[in-house]
């Protein structure tokens, strides 16, 4: 069972020349040696230019802003909400990269216990003014009072992010954040006012891109890769393609734990398709993905 102890690492959030999105910004640790205490620390590779690493926000998944060349509805809205909440203002862009921001860096800290397969510390994010009671440089028991202060919780409660958790997320955190997500959905806040995961059309990429339907970002990524496979000759349905991608160097048919029924199934088994109509046949707030 995942335990709710996280290493608190102080530092600064940086955006100039970067491509932040709603659930991922770059972070420069005051003491990078603290990364060595984390699970999969060998995968964390700070930039040789500025020492920054790309974060993956714990427990959230915001609409994609640049999955390859594709984006989702509200991807830019979620990014802007995250940067504003952190304290960045007067931001200008060149393409997807930040050209100017005031201030250029923001002090704060991350709470993390490990990196993902891509070397991104999986983190709860805190602003400097919210660090009272946090033991910087040490392991902290992260309870509901600490979660309340995080950017992660803000994104879920405001409807800027989908609640998306893994088996590495402590159950205490899953239960607490799930209730917050339920409330946001009940009030149709943000993305919940347009979420189409339960029933959407998938014929071309435009159907799920910026001017199309908003769906769970993980499902969007799988649909995008599936459409690429169709362009290259694949003739089956989405679930068929996922089953074919259950193994290999980049498996995409995630094992999923269903909280209510307490069983583990393949992601493909939750997808229903009738011609161009696709739905995810489960309450997304009851899904826990198995960490790779």
C-alpha atoms as a PDB file:
ATOM      1  CA  UNK A   1       0.000   0.000   0.000  1.00  0.00           C
ATOM      2  CA  UNK A   2       1.303   3.465  -0.912  1.00  0.00           C
ATOM      3  CA  UNK A   3       2.297   5.478   2.165  1.00  0.00           C
ATOM      4  CA  UNK A   4       1.660   9.249   2.414  1.00  0.00           C
ATOM      5  CA  UNK A   5       5.240  10.312   3.143  1.00  0.00           C
ATOM      6  CA  UNK A   6       6.739  12.777   0.675  1.00  0.00           C
ATOM      7  CA  UNK A   7      10.094  14.528   0.473  1.00  0.00           C
ATOM      8  CA  UNK A   8       9.767  18.333   0.603  1.00  0.00           C
ATOM      9  CA  UNK A   9      12.189  20.002  -1.803  1.00  0.00           C
ATOM     10  CA  UNK A  10      12.371  23.792  -1.972  1.00  0.00           C
ATOM     11  CA  UNK A  11      13.277  25.691  -5.109  1.00  0.00           C
ATOM     12  CA  UNK A  12      11.827  27.864  -7.852  1.00  0.00           C
ATOM     13  CA  UNK A  13       9.353  27.395 -10.667  1.00  0.00           C
ATOM     14  CA  UNK A  14      10.669  28.675 -14.002  1.00  0.00           C
ATOM     15  CA  UNK A  15       8.828  29.375 -17.245  1.00  0.00           C
ATOM     16  CA  UNK A  16      10.968  31.560 -19.531  1.00  0.00           C
ATOM     17  CA  UNK A  17      11.782  29.581 -22.669  1.00  0.00           C
ATOM     18  CA  UNK A  18       9.695  26.657 -21.377  1.00  0.00           C
ATOM     19  CA  UNK A  19       6.406  25.123 -22.513  1.00  0.00           C
ATOM     20  CA  UNK A  20       4.345  24.727 -19.337  1.00  0.00           C
ATOM     21  CA  UNK A  21       0.897  23.213 -19.342  1.00  0.00           C
ATOM     22  CA  UNK A  22      -1.779  22.798 -16.728  1.00  0.00           C
ATOM     23  CA  UNK A  23      -0.184  19.888 -14.875  1.00  0.00           C
ATOM     24  CA  UNK A  24       3.498  20.259 -15.650  1.00  0.00           C
ATOM     25  CA  UNK A  25       5.987  23.077 -15.081  1.00  0.00           C
ATOM     26  CA  UNK A  26       9.738  23.165 -14.691  1.00  0.00           C
ATOM     27  CA  UNK A  27      11.344  23.398 -11.267  1.00  0.00           C
ATOM     28  CA  UNK A  28      14.870  24.235 -10.086  1.00  0.00           C
ATOM     29  CA  UNK A  29      15.652  22.602  -6.732  1.00  0.00           C
ATOM     30  CA  UNK A  30      17.689  24.517  -4.170  1.00  0.00           C
ATOM     31  CA  UNK A  31      19.431  21.231  -3.365  1.00  0.00           C
ATOM     32  CA  UNK A  32      19.271  18.770  -6.292  1.00  0.00           C
ATOM     33  CA  UNK A  33      21.016  16.124  -4.170  1.00  0.00           C
ATOM     34  CA  UNK A  34      17.659  15.554  -2.472  1.00  0.00           C
ATOM     35  CA  UNK A  35      16.446  13.848  -5.631  1.00  0.00           C
ATOM     36  CA  UNK A  36      18.707  10.901  -4.824  1.00  0.00           C
ATOM     37  CA  UNK A  37      16.326   9.899  -2.012  1.00  0.00           C
ATOM     38  CA  UNK A  38      13.452   9.366  -4.441  1.00  0.00           C
ATOM     39  CA  UNK A  39      12.174   6.242  -6.171  1.00  0.00           C
ATOM     40  CA  UNK A  40      13.590   6.110  -9.723  1.00  0.00           C
ATOM     41  CA  UNK A  41      15.984   8.938  -8.894  1.00  0.00           C
ATOM     42  CA  UNK A  42      18.316   7.650 -11.611  1.00  0.00           C
ATOM     43  CA  UNK A  43      15.771   8.812 -14.193  1.00  0.00           C
ATOM     44  CA  UNK A  44      15.779  12.424 -13.010  1.00  0.00           C
ATOM     45  CA  UNK A  45      18.087  14.445 -15.259  1.00  0.00           C
ATOM     46  CA  UNK A  46      18.243  18.173 -14.397  1.00  0.00           C
ATOM     47  CA  UNK A  47      18.820  20.456 -17.371  1.00  0.00           C
ATOM     48  CA  UNK A  48      22.473  21.280 -17.958  1.00  0.00           C
ATOM     49  CA  UNK A  49      21.428  24.829 -18.825  1.00  0.00           C
ATOM     50  CA  UNK A  50      19.500  25.870 -15.730  1.00  0.00           C
ATOM     51  CA  UNK A  51      19.202  22.788 -13.496  1.00  0.00           C
ATOM     52  CA  UNK A  52      15.454  22.544 -14.006  1.00  0.00           C
ATOM     53  CA  UNK A  53      13.423  19.353 -14.186  1.00  0.00           C
ATOM     54  CA  UNK A  54       9.976  18.797 -15.660  1.00  0.00           C
ATOM     55  CA  UNK A  55       7.385  17.983 -13.009  1.00  0.00           C
ATOM     56  CA  UNK A  56       4.334  15.758 -13.280  1.00  0.00           C
ATOM     57  CA  UNK A  57       1.631  16.949 -10.927  1.00  0.00           C
ATOM     58  CA  UNK A  58       0.356  14.222  -8.620  1.00  0.00           C
ATOM     59  CA  UNK A  59      -3.301  13.127  -8.864  1.00  0.00           C
ATOM     60  CA  UNK A  60      -4.323  15.411 -11.757  1.00  0.00           C
ATOM     61  CA  UNK A  61      -4.441  15.355 -15.543  1.00  0.00           C
ATOM     62  CA  UNK A  62      -5.299  18.596 -17.321  1.00  0.00           C
ATOM     63  CA  UNK A  63      -6.483  18.849 -20.929  1.00  0.00           C
ATOM     64  CA  UNK A  64      -3.550  18.406 -23.304  1.00  0.00           C
ATOM     65  CA  UNK A  65      -1.950  21.547 -24.682  1.00  0.00           C
ATOM     66  CA  UNK A  66       0.717  19.978 -26.854  1.00  0.00           C
ATOM     67  CA  UNK A  67       0.476  16.221 -27.290  1.00  0.00           C
ATOM     68  CA  UNK A  68       2.704  16.204 -30.325  1.00  0.00           C
ATOM     69  CA  UNK A  69       1.042  18.828 -32.490  1.00  0.00           C
ATOM     70  CA  UNK A  70      -2.422  18.275 -31.016  1.00  0.00           C
ATOM     71  CA  UNK A  71      -4.300  19.977 -28.187  1.00  0.00           C
ATOM     72  CA  UNK A  72      -7.620  19.636 -26.370  1.00  0.00           C
ATOM     73  CA  UNK A  73     -10.313  22.135 -25.449  1.00  0.00           C
ATOM     74  CA  UNK A  74      -9.344  24.044 -22.284  1.00  0.00           C
ATOM     75  CA  UNK A  75      -5.672  23.093 -22.547  1.00  0.00           C
ATOM     76  CA  UNK A  76      -4.642  26.741 -22.597  1.00  0.00           C
ATOM     77  CA  UNK A  77      -7.218  27.598 -19.919  1.00  0.00           C
ATOM     78  CA  UNK A  78      -5.750  25.022 -17.525  1.00  0.00           C
ATOM     79  CA  UNK A  79      -2.201  26.227 -18.220  1.00  0.00           C
ATOM     80  CA  UNK A  80      -3.149  29.837 -17.582  1.00  0.00           C
ATOM     81  CA  UNK A  81      -4.925  28.901 -14.340  1.00  0.00           C
ATOM     82  CA  UNK A  82      -1.862  27.040 -13.052  1.00  0.00           C
ATOM     83  CA  UNK A  83       0.566  29.833 -13.889  1.00  0.00           C
ATOM     84  CA  UNK A  84      -1.706  32.491 -12.398  1.00  0.00           C
ATOM     85  CA  UNK A  85      -2.181  30.467  -9.211  1.00  0.00           C
ATOM     86  CA  UNK A  86       1.594  30.061  -8.900  1.00  0.00           C
ATOM     87  CA  UNK A  87       1.945  33.841  -9.185  1.00  0.00           C
ATOM     88  CA  UNK A  88       3.113  34.423 -12.752  1.00  0.00           C
ATOM     89  CA  UNK A  89       1.628  37.408 -14.585  1.00  0.00           C
ATOM     90  CA  UNK A  90       2.114  39.411 -17.774  1.00  0.00           C
ATOM     91  CA  UNK A  91       3.013  36.263 -19.681  1.00  0.00           C
ATOM     92  CA  UNK A  92       3.694  36.413 -23.406  1.00  0.00           C
ATOM     93  CA  UNK A  93       4.446  33.513 -25.725  1.00  0.00           C
ATOM     94  CA  UNK A  94       6.358  32.717 -28.862  1.00  0.00           C
ATOM     95  CA  UNK A  95       4.544  29.679 -30.142  1.00  0.00           C
ATOM     96  CA  UNK A  96       4.050  27.385 -27.140  1.00  0.00           C
ATOM     97  CA  UNK A  97       7.109  28.709 -25.279  1.00  0.00           C
ATOM     98  CA  UNK A  98       6.970  31.484 -22.689  1.00  0.00           C
ATOM     99  CA  UNK A  99       8.816  34.552 -23.963  1.00  0.00           C
ATOM    100  CA  UNK A 100       8.267  36.902 -21.014  1.00  0.00           C
ATOM    101  CA  UNK A 101       6.767  36.630 -17.535  1.00  0.00           C
ATOM    102  CA  UNK A 102       6.630  38.757 -14.406  1.00  0.00           C
ATOM    103  CA  UNK A 103       8.220  37.604 -12.218  1.00  0.00           C
ATOM    104  CA  UNK A 104      10.542  35.316 -14.152  1.00  0.00           C
ATOM    105  CA  UNK A 105      10.711  32.754 -11.335  1.00  0.00           C
ATOM    106  CA  UNK A 106       8.471  31.900  -8.382  1.00  0.00           C
ATOM    107  CA  UNK A 107       9.771  30.382  -5.116  1.00  0.00           C
ATOM    108  CA  UNK A 108       8.009  27.354  -3.704  1.00  0.00           C
ATOM    109  CA  UNK A 109       8.406  23.662  -3.044  1.00  0.00           C
ATOM    110  CA  UNK A 110       7.371  20.243  -4.236  1.00  0.00           C
ATOM    111  CA  UNK A 111       6.298  17.214  -2.236  1.00  0.00           C
ATOM    112  CA  UNK A 112       7.447  14.086  -4.033  1.00  0.00           C
ATOM    113  CA  UNK A 113       8.441  10.497  -3.373  1.00  0.00           C
ATOM    114  CA  UNK A 114       9.471   9.374  -6.831  1.00  0.00           C
ATOM    115  CA  UNK A 115       9.743   9.976 -10.549  1.00  0.00           C
ATOM    116  CA  UNK A 116       7.690   8.532 -13.363  1.00  0.00           C
ATOM    117  CA  UNK A 117       9.110   6.456 -16.199  1.00  0.00           C
ATOM    118  CA  UNK A 118      10.050   9.668 -18.026  1.00  0.00           C
ATOM    119  CA  UNK A 119      12.081  11.021 -15.122  1.00  0.00           C
ATOM    120  CA  UNK A 120       9.550  13.619 -13.966  1.00  0.00           C
ATOM    121  CA  UNK A 121       9.190  13.936 -10.187  1.00  0.00           C
ATOM    122  CA  UNK A 122       5.533  13.165  -9.397  1.00  0.00           C
ATOM    123  CA  UNK A 123       4.732  16.121  -7.199  1.00  0.00           C
ATOM    124  CA  UNK A 124       2.319  18.068  -5.114  1.00  0.00           C
ATOM    125  CA  UNK A 125       3.096  21.728  -5.705  1.00  0.00           C
ATOM    126  CA  UNK A 126       3.163  24.453  -3.050  1.00  0.00           C
ATOM    127  CA  UNK A 127       3.771  28.190  -3.143  1.00  0.00           C
ATOM    128  CA  UNK A 128       6.302  29.677  -0.713  1.00  0.00           C
ATOM    129  CA  UNK A 129       3.604  31.270   1.460  1.00  0.00           C
ATOM    130  CA  UNK A 130       2.000  27.859   2.015  1.00  0.00           C
ATOM    131  CA  UNK A 131       5.034  26.095   3.475  1.00  0.00           C
ATOM    132  CA  UNK A 132       4.292  26.652   7.171  1.00  0.00           C
ATOM    133  CA  UNK A 133       4.678  23.355   9.003  1.00  0.00           C
ATOM    134  CA  UNK A 134       6.514  21.694   6.106  1.00  0.00           C
ATOM    135  CA  UNK A 135       9.931  20.247   6.967  1.00  0.00           C
ATOM    136  CA  UNK A 136      11.967  21.224   3.925  1.00  0.00           C
ATOM    137  CA  UNK A 137      14.591  18.702   2.884  1.00  0.00           C
ATOM    138  CA  UNK A 138      12.898  15.996   4.941  1.00  0.00           C
ATOM    139  CA  UNK A 139      10.111  13.444   4.623  1.00  0.00           C
ATOM    140  CA  UNK A 140       6.666  14.739   5.571  1.00  0.00           C
ATOM    141  CA  UNK A 141       3.418  12.972   6.369  1.00  0.00           C
ATOM    142  CA  UNK A 142       1.110  14.580   3.810  1.00  0.00           C
ATOM    143  CA  UNK A 143      -2.359  14.790   5.308  1.00  0.00           C
ATOM    144  CA  UNK A 144      -5.525  16.575   4.234  1.00  0.00           C
ATOM    145  CA  UNK A 145      -4.386  19.875   5.769  1.00  0.00           C
ATOM    146  CA  UNK A 146      -1.325  19.891   3.512  1.00  0.00           C
ATOM    147  CA  UNK A 147      -3.251  18.722   0.447  1.00  0.00           C
ATOM    148  CA  UNK A 148      -5.633  21.638   0.986  1.00  0.00           C
ATOM    149  CA  UNK A 149      -2.794  24.073   0.210  1.00  0.00           C
ATOM    150  CA  UNK A 150      -1.563  22.453  -3.001  1.00  0.00           C
ATOM    151  CA  UNK A 151      -1.955  23.672  -6.565  1.00  0.00           C
ATOM    152  CA  UNK A 152      -3.108  20.132  -7.352  1.00  0.00           C
ATOM    153  CA  UNK A 153      -6.157  20.441  -5.120  1.00  0.00           C
ATOM    154  CA  UNK A 154      -6.946  23.874  -6.552  1.00  0.00           C
ATOM    155  CA  UNK A 155      -6.968  22.474 -10.092  1.00  0.00           C
ATOM    156  CA  UNK A 156      -9.377  19.675  -9.163  1.00  0.00           C
ATOM    157  CA  UNK A 157     -11.778  21.778  -7.105  1.00  0.00           C
ATOM    158  CA  UNK A 158     -11.941  24.516  -9.755  1.00  0.00           C
ATOM    159  CA  UNK A 159     -12.586  22.135 -12.636  1.00  0.00           C
ATOM    160  CA  UNK A 160      -9.309  22.786 -14.437  1.00  0.00           C
ATOM    161  CA  UNK A 161      -8.093  19.190 -14.061  1.00  0.00           C
ATOM    162  CA  UNK A 162      -9.427  15.668 -14.192  1.00  0.00           C
ATOM    163  CA  UNK A 163      -8.896  13.636 -11.034  1.00  0.00           C
ATOM    164  CA  UNK A 164      -6.399  11.006 -12.253  1.00  0.00           C
ATOM    165  CA  UNK A 165      -4.693   8.750  -9.730  1.00  0.00           C
ATOM    166  CA  UNK A 166      -2.380   5.764  -9.715  1.00  0.00           C
ATOM    167  CA  UNK A 167      -1.689   2.964  -7.280  1.00  0.00           C
ATOM    168  CA  UNK A 168       1.345   4.971  -6.148  1.00  0.00           C
ATOM    169  CA  UNK A 169      -1.064   7.630  -4.843  1.00  0.00           C
ATOM    170  CA  UNK A 170      -1.871   6.956  -1.163  1.00  0.00           C
ATOM    171  CA  UNK A 171      -5.468   5.910  -0.513  1.00  0.00           C
ATOM    172  CA  UNK A 172      -5.900   8.806   1.915  1.00  0.00           C
ATOM    173  CA  UNK A 173      -5.132  11.190  -0.941  1.00  0.00           C
ATOM    174  CA  UNK A 174      -7.305   9.349  -3.449  1.00  0.00           C
ATOM    175  CA  UNK A 175     -10.330   9.440  -1.173  1.00  0.00           C
ATOM    176  CA  UNK A 176      -9.888  13.106  -0.234  1.00  0.00           C
ATOM    177  CA  UNK A 177      -9.311  14.381  -3.761  1.00  0.00           C
ATOM    178  CA  UNK A 178     -12.057  12.183  -5.225  1.00  0.00           C
ATOM    179  CA  UNK A 179     -14.634  13.890  -3.018  1.00  0.00           C
ATOM    180  CA  UNK A 180     -13.379  17.275  -4.179  1.00  0.00           C
ATOM    181  CA  UNK A 181     -13.682  16.137  -7.782  1.00  0.00           C
ATOM    182  CA  UNK A 182     -17.220  14.883  -7.145  1.00  0.00           C
ATOM    183  CA  UNK A 183     -18.167  18.327  -5.854  1.00  0.00           C
ATOM    184  CA  UNK A 184     -16.644  20.068  -8.880  1.00  0.00           C
ATOM    185  CA  UNK A 185     -18.512  17.722 -11.205  1.00  0.00           C
ATOM    186  CA  UNK A 186     -21.776  18.162  -9.314  1.00  0.00           C
ATOM    187  CA  UNK A 187     -21.475  21.931  -9.780  1.00  0.00           C
ATOM    188  CA  UNK A 188     -20.415  21.564 -13.451  1.00  0.00           C
ATOM    189  CA  UNK A 189     -17.290  23.616 -12.834  1.00  0.00           C
ATOM    190  CA  UNK A 190     -14.782  24.186 -15.612  1.00  0.00           C
ATOM    191  CA  UNK A 191     -14.182  21.106 -17.729  1.00  0.00           C
ATOM    192  CA  UNK A 192     -17.137  19.308 -16.166  1.00  0.00           C
ATOM    193  CA  UNK A 193     -19.486  21.639 -18.028  1.00  0.00           C
ATOM    194  CA  UNK A 194     -18.299  20.231 -21.368  1.00  0.00           C
ATOM    195  CA  UNK A 195     -16.859  16.794 -20.544  1.00  0.00           C
ATOM    196  CA  UNK A 196     -17.911  14.275 -23.206  1.00  0.00           C
ATOM    197  CA  UNK A 197     -16.012  11.178 -22.042  1.00  0.00           C
ATOM    198  CA  UNK A 198     -19.243   9.221 -21.613  1.00  0.00           C
ATOM    199  CA  UNK A 199     -20.202   9.579 -25.297  1.00  0.00           C
ATOM    200  CA  UNK A 200     -18.274  11.184 -28.144  1.00  0.00           C
ATOM    201  CA  UNK A 201     -17.650  10.868 -31.866  1.00  0.00           C
ATOM    202  CA  UNK A 202     -14.258   9.666 -33.114  1.00  0.00           C
ATOM    203  CA  UNK A 203     -13.809   9.848 -36.843  1.00  0.00           C
ATOM    204  CA  UNK A 204     -10.934  12.295 -37.271  1.00  0.00           C
ATOM    205  CA  UNK A 205      -8.529  14.087 -34.943  1.00  0.00           C
ATOM    206  CA  UNK A 206     -10.646  17.233 -35.177  1.00  0.00           C
ATOM    207  CA  UNK A 207     -13.418  15.431 -33.296  1.00  0.00           C
ATOM    208  CA  UNK A 208     -11.373  15.490 -30.067  1.00  0.00           C
ATOM    209  CA  UNK A 209      -9.006  18.413 -30.630  1.00  0.00           C
ATOM    210  CA  UNK A 210      -9.359  22.077 -29.682  1.00  0.00           C
ATOM    211  CA  UNK A 211     -12.708  22.638 -31.400  1.00  0.00           C
ATOM    212  CA  UNK A 212     -14.014  19.143 -30.745  1.00  0.00           C
ATOM    213  CA  UNK A 213     -15.164  17.162 -27.706  1.00  0.00           C
ATOM    214  CA  UNK A 214     -13.304  17.303 -24.400  1.00  0.00           C
ATOM    215  CA  UNK A 215     -12.552  13.833 -23.041  1.00  0.00           C
ATOM    216  CA  UNK A 216     -10.369  12.357 -20.318  1.00  0.00           C
ATOM    217  CA  UNK A 217      -6.789  13.289 -21.334  1.00  0.00           C
ATOM    218  CA  UNK A 218      -5.475   9.727 -21.069  1.00  0.00           C
ATOM    219  CA  UNK A 219      -8.283   8.606 -23.375  1.00  0.00           C
ATOM    220  CA  UNK A 220      -7.465  11.511 -25.706  1.00  0.00           C
ATOM    221  CA  UNK A 221      -3.850  10.359 -25.928  1.00  0.00           C
ATOM    222  CA  UNK A 222      -4.906   6.789 -26.671  1.00  0.00           C
ATOM    223  CA  UNK A 223      -7.418   7.952 -29.299  1.00  0.00           C
ATOM    224  CA  UNK A 224      -4.785  10.154 -30.949  1.00  0.00           C
ATOM    225  CA  UNK A 225      -2.309   7.286 -31.182  1.00  0.00           C
ATOM    226  CA  UNK A 226      -5.079   5.004 -32.445  1.00  0.00           C
ATOM    227  CA  UNK A 227      -5.954   7.439 -35.239  1.00  0.00           C
ATOM    228  CA  UNK A 228      -2.291   7.516 -36.258  1.00  0.00           C
ATOM    229  CA  UNK A 229      -2.345   3.715 -36.420  1.00  0.00           C
ATOM    230  CA  UNK A 230      -5.475   3.830 -38.586  1.00  0.00           C
ATOM    231  CA  UNK A 231      -3.706   6.215 -40.960  1.00  0.00           C
ATOM    232  CA  UNK A 232      -0.950   3.600 -41.207  1.00  0.00           C
ATOM    233  CA  UNK A 233      -3.363   0.788 -42.061  1.00  0.00           C
ATOM    234  CA  UNK A 234      -4.826  -0.516 -38.793  1.00  0.00           C
ATOM    235  CA  UNK A 235      -8.438  -1.565 -39.447  1.00  0.00           C
ATOM    236  CA  UNK A 236      -9.838  -2.517 -36.043  1.00  0.00           C
ATOM    237  CA  UNK A 237     -11.648  -0.557 -33.358  1.00  0.00           C
ATOM    238  CA  UNK A 238     -10.025   1.394 -30.519  1.00  0.00           C
ATOM    239  CA  UNK A 239     -10.318  -1.479 -28.027  1.00  0.00           C
ATOM    240  CA  UNK A 240      -8.750  -3.858 -30.567  1.00  0.00           C
ATOM    241  CA  UNK A 241      -5.803  -1.522 -31.023  1.00  0.00           C
ATOM    242  CA  UNK A 242      -5.339  -1.153 -27.263  1.00  0.00           C
ATOM    243  CA  UNK A 243      -5.309  -4.928 -26.843  1.00  0.00           C
ATOM    244  CA  UNK A 244      -2.671  -5.157 -29.550  1.00  0.00           C
ATOM    245  CA  UNK A 245      -0.658  -2.561 -27.614  1.00  0.00           C
ATOM    246  CA  UNK A 246      -0.842  -4.410 -24.292  1.00  0.00           C
ATOM    247  CA  UNK A 247       2.892  -5.136 -24.326  1.00  0.00           C
ATOM    248  CA  UNK A 248       6.054  -3.936 -25.983  1.00  0.00           C
ATOM    249  CA  UNK A 249       8.269  -0.923 -25.428  1.00  0.00           C
ATOM    250  CA  UNK A 250       5.292   1.415 -25.040  1.00  0.00           C
ATOM    251  CA  UNK A 251       2.248  -0.469 -23.716  1.00  0.00           C
ATOM    252  CA  UNK A 252      -0.935   1.599 -23.947  1.00  0.00           C
ATOM    253  CA  UNK A 253      -3.583  -0.773 -22.592  1.00  0.00           C
ATOM    254  CA  UNK A 254      -3.257   0.333 -18.981  1.00  0.00           C
ATOM    255  CA  UNK A 255      -4.346  -1.988 -16.192  1.00  0.00           C
ATOM    256  CA  UNK A 256      -7.035  -0.220 -14.177  1.00  0.00           C
ATOM    257  CA  UNK A 257      -8.278  -0.829 -10.640  1.00  0.00           C
ATOM    258  CA  UNK A 258     -12.000  -0.119 -10.198  1.00  0.00           C
ATOM    259  CA  UNK A 259     -12.586   1.233  -6.696  1.00  0.00           C
ATOM    260  CA  UNK A 260     -16.251   0.238  -6.324  1.00  0.00           C
ATOM    261  CA  UNK A 261     -16.024  -3.328  -7.612  1.00  0.00           C
ATOM    262  CA  UNK A 262     -12.430  -3.782  -6.361  1.00  0.00           C
ATOM    263  CA  UNK A 263     -11.253  -5.579  -9.475  1.00  0.00           C
ATOM    264  CA  UNK A 264      -8.422  -4.901 -11.915  1.00  0.00           C
ATOM    265  CA  UNK A 265      -9.223  -4.853 -15.629  1.00  0.00           C
ATOM    266  CA  UNK A 266      -7.618  -3.673 -18.844  1.00  0.00           C
ATOM    267  CA  UNK A 267      -8.416  -0.149 -20.008  1.00  0.00           C
ATOM    268  CA  UNK A 268      -9.661  -1.585 -23.304  1.00  0.00           C
ATOM    269  CA  UNK A 269     -12.462  -3.472 -21.525  1.00  0.00           C
ATOM    270  CA  UNK A 270     -13.980  -0.168 -20.394  1.00  0.00           C
ATOM    271  CA  UNK A 271     -14.274   1.238 -23.909  1.00  0.00           C
ATOM    272  CA  UNK A 272     -17.491   0.753 -25.823  1.00  0.00           C
ATOM    273  CA  UNK A 273     -17.694   1.582 -29.521  1.00  0.00           C
ATOM    274  CA  UNK A 274     -20.543   1.574 -31.996  1.00  0.00           C
ATOM    275  CA  UNK A 275     -19.404   2.820 -35.374  1.00  0.00           C
ATOM    276  CA  UNK A 276     -18.051   6.327 -34.696  1.00  0.00           C
ATOM    277  CA  UNK A 277     -19.547   6.583 -31.188  1.00  0.00           C
ATOM    278  CA  UNK A 278     -17.174   5.842 -28.316  1.00  0.00           C
ATOM    279  CA  UNK A 279     -17.800   5.893 -24.587  1.00  0.00           C
ATOM    280  CA  UNK A 280     -15.864   5.048 -21.460  1.00  0.00           C
ATOM    281  CA  UNK A 281     -18.168   2.651 -19.634  1.00  0.00           C
ATOM    282  CA  UNK A 282     -17.192   3.588 -16.074  1.00  0.00           C
ATOM    283  CA  UNK A 283     -17.277   6.539 -13.700  1.00  0.00           C
ATOM    284  CA  UNK A 284     -13.869   8.143 -14.229  1.00  0.00           C
ATOM    285  CA  UNK A 285     -13.732   9.113 -10.551  1.00  0.00           C
ATOM    286  CA  UNK A 286     -13.719   5.406  -9.648  1.00  0.00           C
ATOM    287  CA  UNK A 287     -10.620   4.595 -11.717  1.00  0.00           C
ATOM    288  CA  UNK A 288      -7.138   4.015 -10.309  1.00  0.00           C
ATOM    289  CA  UNK A 289      -4.439   3.320 -12.880  1.00  0.00           C
ATOM    290  CA  UNK A 290      -1.646   0.919 -12.004  1.00  0.00           C
ATOM    291  CA  UNK A 291       1.656   2.796 -11.921  1.00  0.00           C
ATOM    292  CA  UNK A 292       4.108   1.638 -14.581  1.00  0.00           C
END
